[in-house]
C-alpha atoms as a PDB file:
ATOM      1  CA  UNK A   1     156.837  40.498 167.422  1.00  0.00           C
ATOM      2  CA  UNK A   2     156.703  37.683 165.432  1.00  0.00           C
ATOM      3  CA  UNK A   3     158.760  35.069 165.946  1.00  0.00           C
ATOM      4  CA  UNK A   4     161.659  34.004 163.716  1.00  0.00           C
ATOM      5  CA  UNK A   5     162.362  31.252 161.530  1.00  0.00           C
ATOM      6  CA  UNK A   6     163.638  28.462 163.631  1.00  0.00           C
ATOM      7  CA  UNK A   7     167.761  28.340 163.162  1.00  0.00           C
ATOM      8  CA  UNK A   8     168.225  24.727 163.657  1.00  0.00           C
ATOM      9  CA  UNK A   9     172.626  25.880 164.766  1.00  0.00           C
ATOM     10  CA  UNK A  10     172.800  21.845 166.025  1.00  0.00           C
ATOM     11  CA  UNK A  11     172.743  21.338 162.204  1.00  0.00           C
ATOM     12  CA  UNK A  12     175.998  23.320 161.719  1.00  0.00           C
ATOM     13  CA  UNK A  13     179.441  20.987 160.293  1.00  0.00           C
ATOM     14  CA  UNK A  14     182.340  21.100 162.696  1.00  0.00           C
ATOM     15  CA  UNK A  15     184.219  23.852 160.152  1.00  0.00           C
ATOM     16  CA  UNK A  16     181.159  26.129 161.190  1.00  0.00           C
ATOM     17  CA  UNK A  17     180.747  25.536 164.803  1.00  0.00           C
ATOM     18  CA  UNK A  18     184.868  26.151 165.085  1.00  0.00           C
ATOM     19  CA  UNK A  19     184.513  29.319 162.861  1.00  0.00           C
ATOM     20  CA  UNK A  20     181.475  30.777 165.551  1.00  0.00           C
ATOM     21  CA  UNK A  21     183.645  30.589 167.738  1.00  0.00           C
ATOM     22  CA  UNK A  22     186.229  31.995 166.470  1.00  0.00           C
ATOM     23  CA  UNK A  23     183.436  35.177 165.511  1.00  0.00           C
ATOM     24  CA  UNK A  24     183.686  36.989 169.213  1.00  0.00           C
ATOM     25  CA  UNK A  25     181.828  40.511 168.757  1.00  0.00           C
ATOM     26  CA  UNK A  26     178.487  41.899 166.672  1.00  0.00           C
ATOM     27  CA  UNK A  27     182.033  43.226 164.162  1.00  0.00           C
ATOM     28  CA  UNK A  28     183.286  39.592 163.923  1.00  0.00           C
ATOM     29  CA  UNK A  29     180.388  38.877 162.920  1.00  0.00           C
ATOM     30  CA  UNK A  30     179.228  42.006 160.301  1.00  0.00           C
ATOM     31  CA  UNK A  31     183.016  42.005 158.784  1.00  0.00           C
ATOM     32  CA  UNK A  32     182.437  37.912 157.906  1.00  0.00           C
ATOM     33  CA  UNK A  33     179.404  37.634 157.028  1.00  0.00           C
ATOM     34  CA  UNK A  34     179.839  41.006 154.691  1.00  0.00           C
ATOM     35  CA  UNK A  35     182.320  38.534 152.843  1.00  0.00           C
ATOM     36  CA  UNK A  36     180.575  35.791 152.325  1.00  0.00           C
ATOM     37  CA  UNK A  37     177.673  37.688 151.041  1.00  0.00           C
ATOM     38  CA  UNK A  38     180.266  38.804 148.618  1.00  0.00           C
ATOM     39  CA  UNK A  39     182.070  36.172 147.571  1.00  0.00           C
ATOM     40  CA  UNK A  40     178.702  34.221 146.698  1.00  0.00           C
ATOM     41  CA  UNK A  41     177.548  36.368 144.796  1.00  0.00           C
ATOM     42  CA  UNK A  42     173.959  36.599 146.356  1.00  0.00           C
ATOM     43  CA  UNK A  43     170.960  38.536 144.617  1.00  0.00           C
ATOM     44  CA  UNK A  44     170.386  41.771 147.212  1.00  0.00           C
ATOM     45  CA  UNK A  45     166.073  42.749 146.302  1.00  0.00           C
ATOM     46  CA  UNK A  46     164.271  41.996 148.927  1.00  0.00           C
ATOM     47  CA  UNK A  47     164.968  44.589 151.138  1.00  0.00           C
ATOM     48  CA  UNK A  48     168.609  45.481 151.282  1.00  0.00           C
ATOM     49  CA  UNK A  49     170.433  46.866 148.020  1.00  0.00           C
ATOM     50  CA  UNK A  50     174.361  45.595 149.198  1.00  0.00           C
ATOM     51  CA  UNK A  51     176.001  42.802 151.018  1.00  0.00           C
ATOM     52  CA  UNK A  52     177.135  45.119 153.688  1.00  0.00           C
ATOM     53  CA  UNK A  53     173.063  46.051 154.668  1.00  0.00           C
ATOM     54  CA  UNK A  54     171.980  42.067 154.043  1.00  0.00           C
ATOM     55  CA  UNK A  55     175.049  41.208 156.597  1.00  0.00           C
ATOM     56  CA  UNK A  56     173.592  44.429 159.096  1.00  0.00           C
ATOM     57  CA  UNK A  57     169.742  42.981 159.039  1.00  0.00           C
ATOM     58  CA  UNK A  58     170.788  39.422 159.632  1.00  0.00           C
ATOM     59  CA  UNK A  59     173.087  39.788 162.293  1.00  0.00           C
ATOM     60  CA  UNK A  60     170.879  42.478 164.703  1.00  0.00           C
ATOM     61  CA  UNK A  61     167.631  40.597 162.694  1.00  0.00           C
ATOM     62  CA  UNK A  62     169.272  37.127 164.544  1.00  0.00           C
ATOM     63  CA  UNK A  63     170.342  39.343 167.504  1.00  0.00           C
ATOM     64  CA  UNK A  64     167.147  40.842 168.255  1.00  0.00           C
ATOM     65  CA  UNK A  65     168.872  44.238 167.908  1.00  0.00           C
ATOM     66  CA  UNK A  66     166.645  47.737 166.487  1.00  0.00           C
ATOM     67  CA  UNK A  67     168.510  48.727 163.658  1.00  0.00           C
ATOM     68  CA  UNK A  68     168.967  52.190 165.401  1.00  0.00           C
ATOM     69  CA  UNK A  69     171.221  50.047 168.279  1.00  0.00           C
ATOM     70  CA  UNK A  70     173.684  52.060 169.496  1.00  0.00           C
ATOM     71  CA  UNK A  71     177.491  51.649 168.039  1.00  0.00           C
ATOM     72  CA  UNK A  72     178.967  50.837 170.982  1.00  0.00           C
ATOM     73  CA  UNK A  73     177.100  47.545 170.767  1.00  0.00           C
ATOM     74  CA  UNK A  74     179.716  46.254 167.709  1.00  0.00           C
ATOM     75  CA  UNK A  75     182.494  45.324 170.342  1.00  0.00           C
ATOM     76  CA  UNK A  76     179.883  43.820 172.579  1.00  0.00           C
ATOM     77  CA  UNK A  77     181.625  39.773 173.091  1.00  0.00           C
ATOM     78  CA  UNK A  78     178.175  37.789 171.758  1.00  0.00           C
ATOM     79  CA  UNK A  79     176.966  34.364 173.504  1.00  0.00           C
ATOM     80  CA  UNK A  80     178.657  30.706 172.003  1.00  0.00           C
ATOM     81  CA  UNK A  81     174.524  30.004 170.679  1.00  0.00           C
ATOM     82  CA  UNK A  82     174.171  33.868 169.525  1.00  0.00           C
ATOM     83  CA  UNK A  83     177.381  33.510 167.071  1.00  0.00           C
ATOM     84  CA  UNK A  84     176.300  29.585 166.465  1.00  0.00           C
ATOM     85  CA  UNK A  85     172.990  31.315 165.211  1.00  0.00           C
ATOM     86  CA  UNK A  86     174.111  33.632 163.029  1.00  0.00           C
ATOM     87  CA  UNK A  87     176.601  31.178 161.048  1.00  0.00           C
ATOM     88  CA  UNK A  88     173.581  29.127 160.823  1.00  0.00           C
ATOM     89  CA  UNK A  89     171.710  31.900 158.662  1.00  0.00           C
ATOM     90  CA  UNK A  90     173.895  33.065 156.810  1.00  0.00           C
ATOM     91  CA  UNK A  91     174.409  29.364 155.645  1.00  0.00           C
ATOM     92  CA  UNK A  92     171.066  28.961 154.749  1.00  0.00           C
ATOM     93  CA  UNK A  93     170.854  32.251 153.138  1.00  0.00           C
ATOM     94  CA  UNK A  94     174.616  31.438 150.958  1.00  0.00           C
ATOM     95  CA  UNK A  95     173.359  27.658 150.497  1.00  0.00           C
ATOM     96  CA  UNK A  96     169.851  28.077 149.893  1.00  0.00           C
ATOM     97  CA  UNK A  97     169.223  31.415 148.644  1.00  0.00           C
ATOM     98  CA  UNK A  98     166.983  31.838 151.183  1.00  0.00           C
ATOM     99  CA  UNK A  99     165.333  36.006 151.364  1.00  0.00           C
ATOM    100  CA  UNK A 100     166.637  37.171 154.075  1.00  0.00           C
ATOM    101  CA  UNK A 101     163.365  38.198 155.227  1.00  0.00           C
ATOM    102  CA  UNK A 102     161.906  34.723 155.131  1.00  0.00           C
ATOM    103  CA  UNK A 103     164.965  33.412 157.642  1.00  0.00           C
ATOM    104  CA  UNK A 104     164.007  35.757 160.039  1.00  0.00           C
ATOM    105  CA  UNK A 105     160.313  35.674 159.470  1.00  0.00           C
ATOM    106  CA  UNK A 106     160.083  38.952 159.430  1.00  0.00           C
ATOM    107  CA  UNK A 107     159.494  42.474 157.073  1.00  0.00           C
ATOM    108  CA  UNK A 108     159.556  46.223 156.936  1.00  0.00           C
ATOM    109  CA  UNK A 109     156.951  48.218 155.158  1.00  0.00           C
ATOM    110  CA  UNK A 110     156.300  51.638 155.817  1.00  0.00           C
ATOM    111  CA  UNK A 111     158.235  51.782 159.295  1.00  0.00           C
ATOM    112  CA  UNK A 112     156.115  48.490 160.524  1.00  0.00           C
ATOM    113  CA  UNK A 113     156.964  45.037 161.250  1.00  0.00           C
ATOM    114  CA  UNK A 114     155.066  42.387 159.285  1.00  0.00           C
ATOM    115  CA  UNK A 115     155.199  38.601 159.531  1.00  0.00           C
ATOM    116  CA  UNK A 116     155.887  37.272 156.364  1.00  0.00           C
ATOM    117  CA  UNK A 117     156.924  33.998 154.998  1.00  0.00           C
ATOM    118  CA  UNK A 118     156.665  31.355 151.671  1.00  0.00           C
ATOM    119  CA  UNK A 119     153.065  32.098 151.898  1.00  0.00           C
ATOM    120  CA  UNK A 120     153.227  35.230 150.457  1.00  0.00           C
ATOM    121  CA  UNK A 121     155.419  38.171 148.630  1.00  0.00           C
ATOM    122  CA  UNK A 122     158.225  39.597 150.575  1.00  0.00           C
ATOM    123  CA  UNK A 123     157.185  43.625 151.209  1.00  0.00           C
ATOM    124  CA  UNK A 124     159.161  45.750 149.133  1.00  0.00           C
ATOM    125  CA  UNK A 125     156.658  48.284 147.414  1.00  0.00           C
ATOM    126  CA  UNK A 126     157.670  52.134 146.868  1.00  0.00           C
ATOM    127  CA  UNK A 127     154.061  52.309 147.492  1.00  0.00           C
ATOM    128  CA  UNK A 128     154.721  52.497 150.921  1.00  0.00           C
ATOM    129  CA  UNK A 129     155.719  56.175 150.380  1.00  0.00           C
ATOM    130  CA  UNK A 130     152.216  56.778 149.233  1.00  0.00           C
ATOM    131  CA  UNK A 131     150.931  55.239 152.450  1.00  0.00           C
ATOM    132  CA  UNK A 132     153.020  57.174 154.390  1.00  0.00           C
ATOM    133  CA  UNK A 133     151.675  60.398 153.385  1.00  0.00           C
ATOM    134  CA  UNK A 134     148.275  59.336 154.140  1.00  0.00           C
ATOM    135  CA  UNK A 135     147.903  59.320 150.009  1.00  0.00           C
ATOM    136  CA  UNK A 136     147.722  62.955 150.445  1.00  0.00           C
ATOM    137  CA  UNK A 137     148.135  64.076 146.956  1.00  0.00           C
ATOM    138  CA  UNK A 138     144.588  62.948 146.289  1.00  0.00           C
ATOM    139  CA  UNK A 139     142.898  63.581 149.475  1.00  0.00           C
ATOM    140  CA  UNK A 140     144.242  66.395 150.607  1.00  0.00           C
ATOM    141  CA  UNK A 141     141.287  68.370 152.550  1.00  0.00           C
ATOM    142  CA  UNK A 142     140.086  64.896 153.626  1.00  0.00           C
ATOM    143  CA  UNK A 143     141.483  61.633 154.586  1.00  0.00           C
ATOM    144  CA  UNK A 144     139.999  58.634 153.038  1.00  0.00           C
ATOM    145  CA  UNK A 145     137.429  56.288 154.709  1.00  0.00           C
ATOM    146  CA  UNK A 146     137.259  53.541 152.657  1.00  0.00           C
ATOM    147  CA  UNK A 147     140.786  51.567 151.419  1.00  0.00           C
ATOM    148  CA  UNK A 148     140.497  47.931 149.396  1.00  0.00           C
ATOM    149  CA  UNK A 149     143.588  46.593 149.309  1.00  0.00           C
ATOM    150  CA  UNK A 150     143.649  44.189 146.055  1.00  0.00           C
ATOM    151  CA  UNK A 151     146.595  41.358 145.829  1.00  0.00           C
ATOM    152  CA  UNK A 152     146.898  41.734 149.395  1.00  0.00           C
ATOM    153  CA  UNK A 153     149.162  38.848 150.112  1.00  0.00           C
ATOM    154  CA  UNK A 154     150.527  39.948 153.682  1.00  0.00           C
ATOM    155  CA  UNK A 155     148.324  42.678 154.228  1.00  0.00           C
ATOM    156  CA  UNK A 156     150.902  44.824 154.798  1.00  0.00           C
ATOM    157  CA  UNK A 157     149.717  47.089 152.073  1.00  0.00           C
ATOM    158  CA  UNK A 158     146.290  47.588 153.842  1.00  0.00           C
ATOM    159  CA  UNK A 159     147.078  47.486 157.166  1.00  0.00           C
ATOM    160  CA  UNK A 160     149.602  49.740 156.869  1.00  0.00           C
ATOM    161  CA  UNK A 161     147.301  52.209 155.864  1.00  0.00           C
ATOM    162  CA  UNK A 162     145.182  52.143 158.503  1.00  0.00           C
ATOM    163  CA  UNK A 163     147.964  52.570 161.240  1.00  0.00           C
ATOM    164  CA  UNK A 164     148.652  55.730 159.149  1.00  0.00           C
ATOM    165  CA  UNK A 165     144.776  56.838 159.177  1.00  0.00           C
ATOM    166  CA  UNK A 166     143.037  55.480 161.833  1.00  0.00           C
ATOM    167  CA  UNK A 167     139.659  56.699 160.543  1.00  0.00           C
ATOM    168  CA  UNK A 168     140.071  54.356 157.557  1.00  0.00           C
ATOM    169  CA  UNK A 169     138.483  50.791 157.417  1.00  0.00           C
ATOM    170  CA  UNK A 170     140.386  48.564 155.164  1.00  0.00           C
ATOM    171  CA  UNK A 171     139.212  45.226 153.531  1.00  0.00           C
ATOM    172  CA  UNK A 172     142.146  42.699 151.891  1.00  0.00           C
ATOM    173  CA  UNK A 173     141.377  40.704 149.338  1.00  0.00           C
ATOM    174  CA  UNK A 174     144.293  37.942 148.152  1.00  0.00           C
ATOM    175  CA  UNK A 175     142.876  34.783 146.053  1.00  0.00           C
ATOM    176  CA  UNK A 176     145.107  32.346 148.239  1.00  0.00           C
ATOM    177  CA  UNK A 177     143.393  31.153 151.868  1.00  0.00           C
ATOM    178  CA  UNK A 178     147.123  30.039 152.558  1.00  0.00           C
ATOM    179  CA  UNK A 179     148.616  34.396 151.871  1.00  0.00           C
ATOM    180  CA  UNK A 180     144.991  35.128 154.149  1.00  0.00           C
ATOM    181  CA  UNK A 181     146.382  33.527 157.006  1.00  0.00           C
ATOM    182  CA  UNK A 182     149.964  35.778 157.208  1.00  0.00           C
ATOM    183  CA  UNK A 183     147.699  39.057 156.123  1.00  0.00           C
ATOM    184  CA  UNK A 184     144.902  37.798 159.444  1.00  0.00           C
ATOM    185  CA  UNK A 185     147.999  36.918 161.904  1.00  0.00           C
ATOM    186  CA  UNK A 186     149.365  40.459 160.992  1.00  0.00           C
ATOM    187  CA  UNK A 187     146.256  41.860 161.841  1.00  0.00           C
ATOM    188  CA  UNK A 188     146.048  40.690 165.059  1.00  0.00           C
ATOM    189  CA  UNK A 189     149.741  42.310 165.400  1.00  0.00           C
ATOM    190  CA  UNK A 190     148.968  45.557 165.128  1.00  0.00           C
ATOM    191  CA  UNK A 191     145.692  45.416 166.552  1.00  0.00           C
ATOM    192  CA  UNK A 192     143.991  46.976 163.531  1.00  0.00           C
ATOM    193  CA  UNK A 193     141.027  43.884 163.808  1.00  0.00           C
ATOM    194  CA  UNK A 194     138.090  46.231 164.442  1.00  0.00           C
ATOM    195  CA  UNK A 195     139.417  48.283 161.327  1.00  0.00           C
ATOM    196  CA  UNK A 196     141.005  46.258 158.893  1.00  0.00           C
ATOM    197  CA  UNK A 197     139.292  42.535 157.714  1.00  0.00           C
ATOM    198  CA  UNK A 198     140.593  39.898 155.158  1.00  0.00           C
ATOM    199  CA  UNK A 199     139.002  38.795 152.483  1.00  0.00           C
ATOM    200  CA  UNK A 200     139.265  35.571 150.614  1.00  0.00           C
ATOM    201  CA  UNK A 201     138.567  36.627 147.238  1.00  0.00           C
ATOM    202  CA  UNK A 202     139.321  36.134 143.283  1.00  0.00           C
ATOM    203  CA  UNK A 203     139.577  40.279 142.595  1.00  0.00           C
ATOM    204  CA  UNK A 204     136.480  41.935 143.474  1.00  0.00           C
ATOM    205  CA  UNK A 205     133.898  38.991 143.398  1.00  0.00           C
ATOM    206  CA  UNK A 206     134.487  38.875 147.436  1.00  0.00           C
ATOM    207  CA  UNK A 207     133.201  42.602 148.060  1.00  0.00           C
ATOM    208  CA  UNK A 208     130.842  42.521 145.309  1.00  0.00           C
ATOM    209  CA  UNK A 209     128.097  46.217 145.692  1.00  0.00           C
ATOM    210  CA  UNK A 210     131.629  47.532 147.968  1.00  0.00           C
ATOM    211  CA  UNK A 211     132.783  50.529 146.769  1.00  0.00           C
ATOM    212  CA  UNK A 212     135.629  52.323 148.191  1.00  0.00           C
ATOM    213  CA  UNK A 213     137.787  55.595 147.928  1.00  0.00           C
ATOM    214  CA  UNK A 214     141.266  54.121 147.059  1.00  0.00           C
ATOM    215  CA  UNK A 215     141.395  50.921 145.367  1.00  0.00           C
ATOM    216  CA  UNK A 216     145.579  50.547 145.984  1.00  0.00           C
ATOM    217  CA  UNK A 217     147.245  46.927 144.571  1.00  0.00           C
ATOM    218  CA  UNK A 218     150.684  45.713 144.606  1.00  0.00           C
ATOM    219  CA  UNK A 219     149.120  42.359 141.845  1.00  0.00           C
ATOM    220  CA  UNK A 220     151.164  39.730 140.008  1.00  0.00           C
ATOM    221  CA  UNK A 221     152.712  41.713 137.097  1.00  0.00           C
ATOM    222  CA  UNK A 222     155.897  39.737 136.171  1.00  0.00           C
ATOM    223  CA  UNK A 223     155.911  39.013 132.206  1.00  0.00           C
ATOM    224  CA  UNK A 224     157.204  35.630 131.106  1.00  0.00           C
ATOM    225  CA  UNK A 225     160.527  36.807 130.285  1.00  0.00           C
ATOM    226  CA  UNK A 226     161.213  38.403 133.276  1.00  0.00           C
ATOM    227  CA  UNK A 227     160.181  35.385 135.350  1.00  0.00           C
ATOM    228  CA  UNK A 228     162.608  33.341 133.816  1.00  0.00           C
ATOM    229  CA  UNK A 229     165.310  35.085 134.091  1.00  0.00           C
ATOM    230  CA  UNK A 230     164.997  36.359 137.964  1.00  0.00           C
ATOM    231  CA  UNK A 231     167.262  35.626 140.659  1.00  0.00           C
ATOM    232  CA  UNK A 232     167.382  32.069 142.585  1.00  0.00           C
ATOM    233  CA  UNK A 233     166.427  33.827 145.364  1.00  0.00           C
ATOM    234  CA  UNK A 234     162.666  35.161 144.176  1.00  0.00           C
ATOM    235  CA  UNK A 235     162.180  31.363 143.507  1.00  0.00           C
ATOM    236  CA  UNK A 236     161.036  31.363 147.076  1.00  0.00           C
ATOM    237  CA  UNK A 237     158.620  33.500 146.784  1.00  0.00           C
ATOM    238  CA  UNK A 238     154.631  32.174 145.753  1.00  0.00           C
ATOM    239  CA  UNK A 239     154.407  32.180 141.333  1.00  0.00           C
ATOM    240  CA  UNK A 240     150.459  32.879 142.806  1.00  0.00           C
ATOM    241  CA  UNK A 241     151.982  36.428 143.447  1.00  0.00           C
ATOM    242  CA  UNK A 242     154.330  37.405 140.513  1.00  0.00           C
ATOM    243  CA  UNK A 243     153.601  35.824 137.158  1.00  0.00           C
ATOM    244  CA  UNK A 244     150.590  37.069 135.091  1.00  0.00           C
ATOM    245  CA  UNK A 245     151.138  35.759 131.819  1.00  0.00           C
ATOM    246  CA  UNK A 246     153.374  36.372 129.047  1.00  0.00           C
ATOM    247  CA  UNK A 247     153.091  40.131 128.959  1.00  0.00           C
ATOM    248  CA  UNK A 248     152.221  40.861 133.161  1.00  0.00           C
ATOM    249  CA  UNK A 249     148.859  42.116 132.588  1.00  0.00           C
ATOM    250  CA  UNK A 250     146.430  39.012 132.955  1.00  0.00           C
ATOM    251  CA  UNK A 251     145.583  40.538 136.895  1.00  0.00           C
ATOM    252  CA  UNK A 252     146.101  44.252 135.236  1.00  0.00           C
ATOM    253  CA  UNK A 253     143.510  44.439 132.618  1.00  0.00           C
ATOM    254  CA  UNK A 254     140.451  42.373 134.783  1.00  0.00           C
ATOM    255  CA  UNK A 255     141.767  45.081 137.609  1.00  0.00           C
ATOM    256  CA  UNK A 256     140.995  47.977 134.704  1.00  0.00           C
ATOM    257  CA  UNK A 257     137.413  46.462 133.401  1.00  0.00           C
ATOM    258  CA  UNK A 258     136.416  45.823 137.258  1.00  0.00           C
ATOM    259  CA  UNK A 259     137.997  48.674 139.223  1.00  0.00           C
ATOM    260  CA  UNK A 260     135.442  51.550 138.583  1.00  0.00           C
ATOM    261  CA  UNK A 261     132.060  49.263 140.072  1.00  0.00           C
ATOM    262  CA  UNK A 262     133.720  50.000 142.951  1.00  0.00           C
ATOM    263  CA  UNK A 263     135.026  53.177 143.288  1.00  0.00           C
ATOM    264  CA  UNK A 264     133.403  56.354 144.712  1.00  0.00           C
ATOM    265  CA  UNK A 265     133.052  59.309 142.354  1.00  0.00           C
ATOM    266  CA  UNK A 266     136.740  61.065 143.723  1.00  0.00           C
ATOM    267  CA  UNK A 267     138.405  57.223 144.440  1.00  0.00           C
ATOM    268  CA  UNK A 268     141.514  56.505 142.604  1.00  0.00           C
ATOM    269  CA  UNK A 269     143.113  53.313 141.812  1.00  0.00           C
ATOM    270  CA  UNK A 270     146.795  53.143 142.464  1.00  0.00           C
ATOM    271  CA  UNK A 271     148.399  49.951 140.804  1.00  0.00           C
ATOM    272  CA  UNK A 272     152.202  48.805 141.095  1.00  0.00           C
ATOM    273  CA  UNK A 273     153.187  46.829 137.930  1.00  0.00           C
ATOM    274  CA  UNK A 274     156.457  47.088 137.560  1.00  0.00           C
ATOM    275  CA  UNK A 275     159.004  46.154 134.420  1.00  0.00           C
ATOM    276  CA  UNK A 276     155.250  45.523 132.488  1.00  0.00           C
ATOM    277  CA  UNK A 277     154.750  49.240 132.926  1.00  0.00           C
ATOM    278  CA  UNK A 278     155.911  48.791 129.039  1.00  0.00           C
ATOM    279  CA  UNK A 279     153.962  46.598 128.037  1.00  0.00           C
ATOM    280  CA  UNK A 280     150.688  48.804 129.305  1.00  0.00           C
ATOM    281  CA  UNK A 281     151.845  51.511 128.095  1.00  0.00           C
ATOM    282  CA  UNK A 282     151.726  49.866 124.599  1.00  0.00           C
ATOM    283  CA  UNK A 283     148.128  48.479 125.226  1.00  0.00           C
ATOM    284  CA  UNK A 284     146.699  50.899 125.868  1.00  0.00           C
ATOM    285  CA  UNK A 285     148.378  54.158 124.474  1.00  0.00           C
ATOM    286  CA  UNK A 286     145.043  56.719 124.956  1.00  0.00           C
ATOM    287  CA  UNK A 287     144.811  55.796 128.082  1.00  0.00           C
ATOM    288  CA  UNK A 288     146.822  58.926 129.933  1.00  0.00           C
ATOM    289  CA  UNK A 289     148.842  57.038 132.669  1.00  0.00           C
ATOM    290  CA  UNK A 290     150.353  58.589 135.698  1.00  0.00           C
ATOM    291  CA  UNK A 291     152.807  56.963 136.306  1.00  0.00           C
ATOM    292  CA  UNK A 292     154.384  57.764 140.208  1.00  0.00           C
ATOM    293  CA  UNK A 293     157.512  59.268 141.139  1.00  0.00           C
ATOM    294  CA  UNK A 294     159.208  57.839 144.187  1.00  0.00           C
ATOM    295  CA  UNK A 295     162.218  59.724 146.876  1.00  0.00           C
ATOM    296  CA  UNK A 296     163.728  57.035 148.400  1.00  0.00           C
ATOM    297  CA  UNK A 297     163.127  55.071 144.310  1.00  0.00           C
ATOM    298  CA  UNK A 298     161.032  52.604 142.668  1.00  0.00           C
ATOM    299  CA  UNK A 299     159.225  53.121 139.232  1.00  0.00           C
ATOM    300  CA  UNK A 300     155.807  50.895 137.821  1.00  0.00           C
ATOM    301  CA  UNK A 301     153.048  52.419 139.793  1.00  0.00           C
ATOM    302  CA  UNK A 302     150.325  53.568 137.980  1.00  0.00           C
ATOM    303  CA  UNK A 303     147.053  55.957 139.416  1.00  0.00           C
ATOM    304  CA  UNK A 304     143.760  56.128 137.604  1.00  0.00           C
ATOM    305  CA  UNK A 305     140.919  58.113 138.740  1.00  0.00           C
ATOM    306  CA  UNK A 306     137.388  57.465 138.725  1.00  0.00           C
ATOM    307  CA  UNK A 307     136.925  59.943 135.729  1.00  0.00           C
ATOM    308  CA  UNK A 308     139.149  58.627 133.768  1.00  0.00           C
ATOM    309  CA  UNK A 309     138.266  54.789 134.450  1.00  0.00           C
ATOM    310  CA  UNK A 310     134.517  56.060 133.285  1.00  0.00           C
ATOM    311  CA  UNK A 311     135.938  58.020 129.741  1.00  0.00           C
ATOM    312  CA  UNK A 312     137.928  55.442 128.993  1.00  0.00           C
ATOM    313  CA  UNK A 313     135.544  52.440 129.523  1.00  0.00           C
ATOM    314  CA  UNK A 314     135.185  51.485 126.435  1.00  0.00           C
ATOM    315  CA  UNK A 315     139.705  50.873 126.450  1.00  0.00           C
ATOM    316  CA  UNK A 316     139.471  48.463 129.055  1.00  0.00           C
ATOM    317  CA  UNK A 317     136.284  46.100 127.677  1.00  0.00           C
END
């Protein structure tokens, strides 16, 4: 389990220290944190969707309790240091607008925990559903054997794929050595080092000559307008993992030009472009992007087969 981000409870003000003494139970902490988050109008977009969900995630994470903890624990008395830890995390979340996964040092993706910090984007892609299903829509009879997680960041997509597909070999590629340091820690944590490797590379440069059944990517795709209007929480994430030019497609255009050379003939390219989907359709109106739908929500993820990349190669040139 990755270590939680250090929380300096000694820096609490006298008022907060007094407050912490009054939060006797876990239930008290949840009610108070929810009220504080609502009062300060926080933005929720890094794994939770409401003040209540954020409070539950913070309090349980601060106390190292599982999501499915017995409800009877709600009325258990907390130790003074536990109360102070909760208050300190709530204050940091409010005053610094730091995303909760950075405060806890951990985020969940496809049901598995991953170490995260300010060197990487916080995992939240709907691609998790495809990973959990083993990409069966494209490989119904046999599982893919080679997978490339392009712009891998924390490595969550590629590592989770390795966990769900125990025979697959996975390469994690990212241009940022700092991000790949986090990915390597996650490789070790999940004990998949025999099948997963991390490669520092500007897109495909570091995997020349390699071919994959699946190239999957959650690349930088935020356009200039959306980037300028992002809530404060997102400004803690590395800009290298978010910004991608005026229309958000600087990286994706390169992928479309170069991906076919690294796919098997039966392979598929799967890429998340979020709100920049409208720009992609406008830029390539003749290309039949398959826009995927997800049971748990999320949009802006397309798929193109190797055959389609061949057919529309001139469009991407």
